[in-house]
Protein backbone atom coordinates (compact mmCIF):
# COMPACT_ATOMS: atom_id res chain seq x y z
CA MET A 1 24.47 6.45 -43.85
CA LYS A 2 22.54 8.79 -41.91
CA TYR A 3 23.37 12.36 -40.97
CA VAL A 4 22.29 14.12 -38.24
CA SER A 5 22.45 17.72 -37.13
CA VAL A 6 25.18 19.50 -35.62
CA THR A 7 22.31 20.96 -33.35
CA GLU A 8 21.43 17.22 -32.42
CA VAL A 9 25.24 16.08 -31.82
CA ILE A 10 25.36 19.75 -29.63
CA HIS A 11 22.41 18.53 -27.12
CA ARG A 12 23.82 14.98 -27.19
CA ILE A 13 26.96 16.42 -25.55
CA LYS A 14 25.30 18.53 -23.29
CA ASP A 15 22.77 15.63 -22.63
CA ASN A 16 25.39 13.28 -21.67
CA ILE A 17 27.72 15.87 -19.26
CA GLN A 18 24.62 16.83 -17.59
CA LYS A 19 23.57 13.25 -17.04
CA ASP A 20 27.03 12.46 -14.88
CA TYR A 21 27.32 13.41 -11.88
CA ARG A 22 30.93 13.64 -12.31
CA LEU A 23 30.76 17.04 -13.77
CA GLN A 24 27.71 18.68 -12.17
CA SER A 25 29.72 18.62 -9.17
CA VAL A 26 33.59 19.56 -9.53
CA ALA A 27 35.90 20.84 -7.16
CA MET A 28 39.21 22.56 -9.25
CA GLU A 29 42.03 24.69 -8.83
CA GLY A 30 44.21 26.52 -11.21
CA ASN A 31 45.21 29.36 -12.29
CA ILE A 32 43.31 32.39 -13.74
CA ILE A 33 43.88 33.89 -17.08
CA GLY A 34 42.36 36.81 -18.59
CA LEU A 35 39.85 37.36 -16.19
CA LYS A 36 37.31 39.88 -17.12
CA ARG A 37 34.23 41.76 -15.15
CA ALA A 38 30.73 42.52 -17.75
CA SER A 39 28.70 44.82 -17.32
CA ASN A 40 26.28 43.46 -15.78
CA GLY A 41 28.54 41.74 -12.77
CA HIS A 42 29.74 38.97 -13.85
CA TYR A 43 32.86 37.12 -14.24
CA TYR A 44 35.28 35.52 -17.54
CA MET A 45 38.08 33.74 -17.28
CA ASN A 46 39.93 31.00 -18.29
CA LEU A 47 41.46 28.18 -15.60
CA HIS A 48 44.58 26.61 -16.80
CA ASP A 49 47.47 24.36 -15.16
CA ASP A 50 50.38 23.07 -17.03
CA ASN A 51 48.22 20.98 -19.83
CA CYS A 52 44.91 22.59 -20.42
CA SER A 53 42.27 25.38 -19.88
CA ILE A 54 38.38 26.11 -19.56
CA ARG A 55 36.46 28.77 -19.59
CA ALA A 56 34.83 29.46 -17.01
CA ILE A 57 31.77 31.73 -15.71
CA LEU A 58 31.39 33.23 -12.30
CA PHE A 59 28.09 34.21 -12.27
CA ARG A 60 26.99 38.04 -10.68
CA SER A 61 24.42 35.92 -7.87
CA ARG A 62 27.45 33.61 -7.06
CA VAL A 63 29.85 36.56 -6.76
CA GLY A 64 29.63 37.74 -2.59
CA ARG A 65 32.52 38.81 -1.68
CA SER A 66 34.88 35.77 -3.63
CA MET A 67 36.56 38.41 -5.78
CA GLU A 68 37.77 41.21 -3.57
CA THR A 69 40.81 39.92 -3.63
CA VAL A 70 41.03 37.74 -6.36
CA ARG A 71 43.80 39.27 -9.31
CA GLU A 72 44.84 37.88 -12.69
CA GLY A 73 47.09 35.08 -12.37
CA ASP A 74 46.11 34.02 -9.20
CA HIS A 75 45.83 30.37 -7.81
CA VAL A 76 42.25 29.48 -6.74
CA ILE A 77 39.86 26.63 -6.22
CA VAL A 78 36.54 26.97 -7.87
CA VAL A 79 33.32 23.86 -7.28
CA GLY A 80 30.82 23.51 -10.29
CA ALA A 81 29.61 22.37 -13.08
CA VAL A 82 30.98 21.44 -16.36
CA ASN A 83 28.13 23.26 -18.84
CA VAL A 84 28.01 23.23 -22.64
CA TYR A 85 26.79 26.46 -24.59
CA GLU A 86 24.73 25.74 -26.93
CA LYS A 87 24.93 27.95 -29.75
CA GLY A 88 28.75 28.71 -29.76
CA GLY A 89 29.07 24.82 -29.04
CA THR A 90 31.59 25.94 -26.70
CA VAL A 91 32.33 23.76 -22.76
CA SER A 92 32.36 26.13 -19.96
CA PHE A 93 32.88 25.54 -16.18
CA ILE A 94 30.04 27.24 -13.66
CA ILE A 95 31.57 27.88 -11.11
CA GLU A 96 29.97 28.28 -7.83
CA ARG A 97 31.72 29.08 -5.23
CA LEU A 98 35.62 30.65 -5.41
CA PHE A 99 37.77 30.55 -2.97
CA SER A 100 41.81 32.15 -2.75
CA GLN A 101 44.70 28.76 -2.25
CA GLY A 102 44.16 27.75 1.02
CA VAL A 103 40.54 28.84 1.46
CA GLY A 104 39.03 25.20 0.70
CA SER A 105 39.08 23.37 3.51
CA LEU A 106 34.81 22.97 3.56
CA GLN A 107 35.28 21.60 0.26
CA ALA A 108 38.20 19.00 1.52
CA GLU A 109 36.28 17.67 4.10
CA TYR A 110 33.23 17.62 1.49
CA GLU A 111 35.32 15.56 -0.66
CA ARG A 112 36.49 13.20 2.93
CA ILE A 113 32.70 12.68 3.61
CA LYS A 114 31.82 12.34 0.08
CA GLY A 115 34.77 9.35 -0.75
CA GLU A 116 34.31 7.85 2.69
CA LEU A 117 30.39 7.10 1.45
CA GLU A 118 31.24 5.98 -1.73
CA ARG A 119 33.73 3.56 -0.67
CA ASP A 120 31.39 1.98 1.36
CA GLY A 121 28.47 1.65 -1.17
CA TYR A 122 25.94 4.75 -0.80
CA PHE A 123 25.82 5.90 -3.82
CA ASP A 124 26.14 2.97 -5.95
CA VAL A 125 23.59 2.92 -8.65
CA GLU A 126 22.12 -0.30 -8.41
CA HIS A 127 21.08 -0.08 -5.13
CA LYS A 128 18.47 2.87 -6.65
CA LYS A 129 14.51 2.56 -7.19
CA ASP A 130 12.39 3.54 -10.19
CA LEU A 131 10.05 5.82 -9.11
CA PRO A 132 6.14 4.51 -9.58
CA ARG A 133 4.18 5.39 -12.61
CA PHE A 134 1.19 5.79 -10.63
CA PRO A 135 1.80 7.46 -7.48
CA TRP A 136 -1.19 8.43 -4.86
CA THR A 137 0.40 10.17 -1.99
CA VAL A 138 3.95 11.87 -2.15
CA GLY A 139 5.85 13.27 0.68
CA VAL A 140 7.53 16.46 0.72
CA LEU A 141 10.45 17.30 3.16
CA THR A 142 11.37 20.86 3.29
CA SER A 143 10.16 23.90 5.43
CA ARG A 144 7.01 24.93 5.61
CA THR A 145 6.99 29.07 4.91
CA GLY A 146 9.32 28.44 1.71
CA ALA A 147 8.83 29.45 -1.64
CA VAL A 148 9.89 25.86 -2.34
CA LEU A 149 6.23 24.49 -1.02
CA HIS A 150 4.70 26.45 -2.71
CA ASP A 151 6.11 25.76 -6.40
CA ILE A 152 5.23 22.22 -5.37
CA ARG A 153 1.97 22.43 -4.56
CA LYS A 154 1.22 24.49 -8.03
CA ILE A 155 2.41 22.31 -9.88
CA ALA A 156 0.63 19.55 -8.24
CA ALA A 157 -2.68 21.02 -8.75
CA GLU A 158 -1.76 21.95 -12.43
CA ARG A 159 -0.84 18.60 -13.52
CA ASN A 160 -2.68 15.81 -10.88
CA PRO A 161 -4.70 17.43 -8.17
CA TYR A 162 -6.07 13.55 -6.98
CA VAL A 163 -2.42 13.00 -5.20
CA ASP A 164 -1.85 13.63 -1.84
CA ILE A 165 0.53 15.96 -0.72
CA ARG A 166 2.08 14.96 3.50
CA LEU A 167 4.57 17.74 4.50
CA TYR A 168 7.19 16.75 6.96
CA ALA A 169 8.30 20.41 7.69
CA ILE A 170 11.80 20.50 8.44
CA PRO A 171 14.89 22.96 9.45
CA VAL A 172 17.00 23.17 6.06
CA GLN A 173 19.94 24.94 6.76
CA GLY A 174 22.12 26.07 10.15
CA SER A 175 23.54 23.82 13.10
CA GLY A 176 21.69 20.50 14.14
CA ALA A 177 19.21 20.57 10.99
CA GLU A 178 21.33 17.81 9.64
CA ILE A 179 19.79 15.84 12.76
CA LYS A 180 16.34 16.94 12.48
CA ILE A 181 16.41 16.33 8.27
CA ALA A 182 16.98 12.75 8.89
CA ASP A 183 15.13 12.22 11.71
CA ALA A 184 12.39 13.43 9.71
CA ILE A 185 13.59 10.94 6.20
CA ASN A 186 13.18 8.06 8.85
CA ARG A 187 9.93 8.90 10.06
CA ALA A 188 8.41 9.92 6.29
CA SER A 189 10.23 6.51 5.13
CA GLN A 190 7.91 4.77 7.99
CA ASN A 191 5.28 5.34 6.19
CA ASP A 192 3.46 2.73 4.08
CA ALA A 193 0.83 5.06 2.01
CA LEU A 194 3.54 7.08 0.62
CA ASP A 195 4.38 6.52 -2.80
CA ILE A 196 7.06 9.22 -3.66
CA ILE A 197 9.32 11.36 -1.02
CA ILE A 198 10.75 14.81 -2.19
CA LEU A 199 13.49 16.35 -0.14
CA ALA A 200 13.97 19.70 -1.74
CA ARG A 201 15.23 23.84 -0.75
CA GLY A 202 16.10 27.08 -2.43
CA GLY A 203 19.62 27.66 -3.72
CA GLY A 204 22.46 29.00 -1.14
CA SER A 205 25.52 28.79 -0.71
CA MET A 206 28.32 25.56 0.27
CA GLU A 207 27.57 26.04 3.87
CA ASP A 208 24.12 26.61 3.63
CA LEU A 209 23.49 23.38 1.82
CA TRP A 210 26.14 21.27 4.65
CA CYS A 211 23.60 19.81 6.46
CA PHE A 212 22.49 18.13 2.87
CA ASN A 213 26.54 16.67 2.95
CA SER A 214 25.68 14.73 6.51
CA PRO A 215 26.30 11.40 6.32
CA ALA A 216 23.05 10.31 9.17
CA VAL A 217 21.38 12.65 6.31
CA VAL A 218 22.93 10.51 3.63
CA LYS A 219 22.38 6.60 4.88
CA ALA A 220 18.94 7.43 6.24
CA ILE A 221 18.26 8.29 2.40
CA TYR A 222 20.27 5.33 1.42
CA GLU A 223 17.97 2.76 3.59
CA SER A 224 14.56 4.37 2.80
CA PRO A 225 12.81 1.78 1.25
CA ILE A 226 10.15 4.25 -0.61
CA PRO A 227 12.07 5.98 -4.05
CA PHE A 228 13.42 9.01 -2.82
CA ILE A 229 13.93 12.06 -5.27
CA THR A 230 15.91 15.24 -4.03
CA ALA A 231 16.08 18.48 -5.31
CA ILE A 232 18.66 21.13 -3.83
CA GLY A 233 19.97 24.27 -4.43
CA HIS A 234 20.15 25.25 -8.08
CA GLU A 235 20.31 23.22 -10.88
CA THR A 236 24.60 23.67 -10.24
CA ASP A 237 24.74 22.76 -6.41
CA THR A 238 25.13 18.92 -6.02
CA THR A 239 24.87 17.54 -2.68
CA LEU A 240 25.50 14.55 -0.98
CA ALA A 241 21.92 13.73 -0.52
CA ASP A 242 21.80 13.75 -4.15
CA PHE A 243 24.11 11.00 -5.10
CA ALA A 244 22.18 9.10 -2.70
CA ALA A 245 19.30 10.03 -3.51
CA ASP A 246 17.44 7.36 -6.32
CA VAL A 247 17.00 10.43 -8.22
CA ARG A 248 18.14 13.79 -8.89
CA ALA A 249 16.27 17.26 -9.85
CA ALA A 250 17.53 19.76 -11.18
CA THR A 251 15.65 22.81 -9.03
CA PRO A 252 12.26 21.63 -6.93
CA THR A 253 9.54 22.27 -9.96
CA HIS A 254 11.44 19.20 -11.65
CA ALA A 255 11.19 17.23 -9.27
CA ALA A 256 7.38 18.15 -9.02
CA GLU A 257 7.04 16.62 -12.39
CA MET A 258 8.90 13.71 -11.91
CA ALA A 259 6.12 12.73 -9.10
CA PHE A 260 3.43 14.46 -10.40
CA PRO A 261 2.48 12.56 -13.67
CA ASP A 262 0.02 14.74 -15.53
CA PHE A 263 -3.47 13.91 -15.58
CA GLU A 264 -4.29 14.98 -19.40
CA GLU A 265 -1.36 12.67 -20.53
CA LEU A 266 -2.65 9.80 -18.84
CA GLU A 267 -5.90 9.89 -20.18
CA MET A 268 -4.23 10.40 -23.38
CA ASP A 269 -2.33 7.30 -22.62
CA LEU A 270 -5.68 5.34 -21.62
CA ALA A 271 -7.26 6.42 -24.79
CA VAL A 272 -4.47 5.14 -26.76
CA MET A 273 -4.45 1.86 -25.19
CA ALA A 274 -7.94 1.53 -25.06
CA ASP A 275 -8.13 1.67 -29.45
CA THR A 276 -4.99 -0.76 -29.27
CA ALA A 277 -6.96 -3.14 -27.12
CA TYR A 278 -10.64 -3.10 -29.01
CA THR A 279 -7.95 -3.47 -32.11
CA GLN A 280 -6.41 -6.46 -31.13
CA LEU A 281 -9.77 -7.92 -30.16
CA LEU A 282 -11.25 -7.12 -33.02
CA ALA A 283 -8.48 -9.31 -34.72
CA HIS A 284 -8.41 -11.41 -32.43
CA ILE A 285 -12.63 -12.34 -33.47
CA GLU A 286 -11.67 -12.25 -36.46
CA GLN A 287 -8.88 -14.94 -36.52
CA CYS A 288 -11.52 -16.78 -34.62
CA ARG A 289 -14.09 -16.58 -37.21
CA LYS A 290 -11.48 -17.98 -39.71
CA ASN A 291 -10.27 -20.70 -37.43
CA VAL A 292 -13.94 -22.06 -37.43
CA ASP A 293 -14.76 -21.67 -40.58
CA GLN A 294 -12.07 -23.79 -41.59
CA ALA A 295 -12.77 -26.29 -39.36
CA GLY A 296 -15.75 -26.69 -40.43
CA ALA A 297 -15.03 -26.78 -43.75
CA ARG A 298 -12.34 -29.77 -43.20
CA LEU A 299 -15.49 -31.44 -40.98
CA GLN A 300 -17.54 -34.02 -43.03
CA ILE A 301 -20.98 -32.99 -41.70
CA HIS A 302 -23.06 -35.81 -42.77
CA ARG A 303 -20.53 -38.41 -41.21
CA TYR A 304 -20.76 -36.42 -37.88
CA ARG A 305 -24.40 -36.50 -38.04
CA GLU A 306 -24.81 -40.29 -38.53
CA PHE A 307 -21.99 -40.37 -35.07
CA LEU A 308 -24.71 -37.80 -32.90
CA ALA A 309 -27.97 -40.34 -33.80
CA LEU A 310 -25.60 -43.53 -32.68
CA LYS A 311 -24.69 -41.60 -29.97
CA GLN A 312 -28.08 -41.09 -29.15
CA GLU A 313 -29.44 -44.26 -29.55
CA HIS A 314 -27.57 -45.37 -27.71
CA VAL A 315 -27.89 -42.97 -24.47
CA ALA A 316 -31.78 -43.72 -24.62
CA GLN A 317 -30.64 -47.61 -24.49
CA LEU A 318 -29.11 -45.90 -21.44
CA ILE A 319 -32.02 -44.06 -20.38
CA HIS A 320 -34.52 -47.07 -20.08
CA ASN A 321 -32.54 -49.66 -18.89
CA ALA A 322 -32.30 -47.09 -16.17
CA GLY A 323 -35.24 -46.72 -15.71
CA ARG A 324 -36.31 -50.28 -15.28
CA GLN A 325 -33.77 -50.50 -12.81
CA LEU A 326 -34.72 -48.13 -11.13
CA GLU A 327 -38.74 -49.74 -10.14
CA LEU A 328 -37.17 -52.57 -9.94
CA VAL A 329 -34.82 -51.40 -7.05
CA LEU A 330 -38.13 -48.78 -6.03
CA SER A 331 -40.32 -52.24 -5.65
CA GLU A 332 -37.59 -53.56 -3.56
CA LYS A 333 -37.62 -51.34 -1.07
CA LYS A 334 -40.99 -50.26 -0.73
CA GLY A 335 -41.24 -54.14 0.26
CA SER A 336 -38.96 -53.78 2.87
CA LEU A 337 -40.35 -50.83 3.91
CA ALA A 338 -43.40 -52.33 4.34
CA SER A 339 -42.69 -55.65 6.91
CA LEU A 340 -39.74 -52.45 9.36
CA GLN A 341 -43.63 -50.59 9.25
CA ALA A 342 -44.94 -53.81 10.72
CA SER A 343 -42.99 -54.82 12.78
CA ILE A 344 -42.64 -51.19 13.70
CA GLU A 345 -46.14 -51.19 14.05
CA ALA A 346 -46.11 -54.50 16.06
CA MET A 347 -43.73 -53.21 19.00
CA ASN A 348 -45.78 -50.08 19.85
CA PRO A 349 -47.58 -50.16 23.21
CA ALA A 350 -50.57 -47.98 22.26
CA ALA A 351 -51.51 -51.14 19.52
CA LEU A 352 -51.29 -53.47 22.05
CA VAL A 353 -53.30 -51.34 24.62
CA ARG A 354 -55.96 -50.91 21.91
CA LYS A 355 -55.85 -54.64 22.02
CA GLY A 356 -56.98 -55.04 25.50
CA TYR A 357 -53.59 -54.95 27.15
CA GLY A 358 -52.70 -52.55 29.51
CA GLN A 359 -49.62 -50.77 31.35
CA LEU A 360 -49.57 -51.20 35.24
CA GLU A 361 -47.45 -48.70 37.13
CA GLN A 362 -46.34 -48.81 41.25
CA ASP A 363 -45.08 -45.43 42.59
CA GLN A 364 -44.80 -44.40 38.65
CA HIS A 365 -42.33 -47.24 37.84
CA ILE A 366 -43.51 -50.21 35.28
CA ILE A 367 -44.85 -53.16 36.39
CA SER A 368 -42.74 -55.92 34.12
CA SER A 369 -42.71 -58.88 37.04
CA ILE A 370 -44.78 -59.82 39.46
CA HIS A 371 -41.84 -59.84 42.21
CA SER A 372 -42.43 -55.88 41.81
CA ILE A 373 -45.46 -55.39 42.98
CA SER A 374 -46.24 -54.42 46.63
CA LYS A 375 -49.55 -54.98 48.02
CA GLU A 376 -49.42 -52.12 50.73
CA ARG A 377 -49.56 -49.71 47.26
CA PRO A 378 -52.26 -48.93 45.05
CA LEU A 379 -51.18 -49.82 41.30
CA HIS A 380 -51.99 -47.77 38.08
CA ILE A 381 -53.57 -49.53 35.00
CA GLN A 382 -52.55 -47.54 32.06
CA LEU A 383 -55.16 -48.17 29.33
CA VAL A 384 -55.48 -46.35 25.62
CA ASP A 385 -57.84 -43.61 26.80
CA GLY A 386 -57.29 -43.31 30.50
CA ALA A 387 -56.40 -45.02 33.73
CA ILE A 388 -57.69 -47.24 36.45
CA ALA A 389 -56.52 -46.79 40.40
CA ALA A 390 -56.90 -50.41 41.78
CA ASP A 391 -55.74 -51.65 45.22
CA VAL A 392 -53.61 -54.83 45.61
CA LYS A 393 -55.94 -57.62 47.41
CA GLU A 394 -53.54 -60.94 46.72
CA VAL A 395 -50.55 -61.72 44.35
CA VAL A 396 -50.20 -65.00 43.16
CA ILE A 397 -46.87 -65.85 42.08
CA TYR A 398 -47.02 -69.15 39.74
CA GLY A 399 -45.24 -71.76 41.11
CA GLU A 400 -45.14 -70.92 44.99
CA ASN A 401 -47.96 -71.11 47.70
CA ASN A 402 -47.15 -67.85 48.98
CA ARG A 403 -49.34 -65.14 49.26
């Protein structure tokens, strides 16, 4: 039986929890017990109901004014994610937002929109696309002035400076931002040159990130034919855009690492593949050599030589016969050609002229009959080396007395 370490078990638990999106964006209600504020400003507590209890932490950066009126035993609504504290092997709930009872209207709206979109299939796993292994152009949708763009460009320069980045500047919060974000997604999705699209912004409150929960943004991501990565807020922030994306990154830096393959790793992969191909080629050549040797051993060389000699003799006879046949055909064709040449020469007007014949013309028309001659017009006699102009004094038509 194979044994595993405690560390490996805890790592598996944490990995499974972090991969389950249902545990990474949870709205939960319960009663606070054991509320403590640490000297560093963090709040520790247990949230419980009638049957169960879970340890919860509200870090100082997320406190704001939410804890001003909260007391031990209060009923609250919290939004956050389940996490595993590896060293202690404990499961904790990391609180991102905390509301006293009755103050959870925004979260209720979030859940309502999420439920509708989920029922319509916008979060279906079957629809998600794989990221390309070797992207050449990456579209980035984020603020032009934020730190996110700087971080993505920094990672790209470190990992693969040959990949082109196309920026689609967008507002990342505020009224009407969701319309501009959806429009930018649609424009980027129509660019056939893009291999991957990243939608990213830094951390913020639920209100700050609310534009990324818009159905228009979710539908634009869903309809994009280009693989989509979202990196919105902190790791524990999960918007509806994250559910619709093909891949959700914990941070913008993580998104850049997913989108830009490490060039040095690619070089190493190519070196390994080249070495493997070379080894396989040598093995193939060696196998072919063995096959040839085995075939040669099975072949009876002396009988093969006799067979070749017979074939060579047969081919030589065929060539001899073909040569004789060609000579006969050529001789026959030469005779036909000579007869044809004699016939053509006999019909040559120049030949007739050289024998003493001439060609008669009157008014530039060739005279072929005595009836065509007029006594009033001069007559031209064309010889081989010149022409004679003559007047017609008399026209005699055989068989008639008229002149």
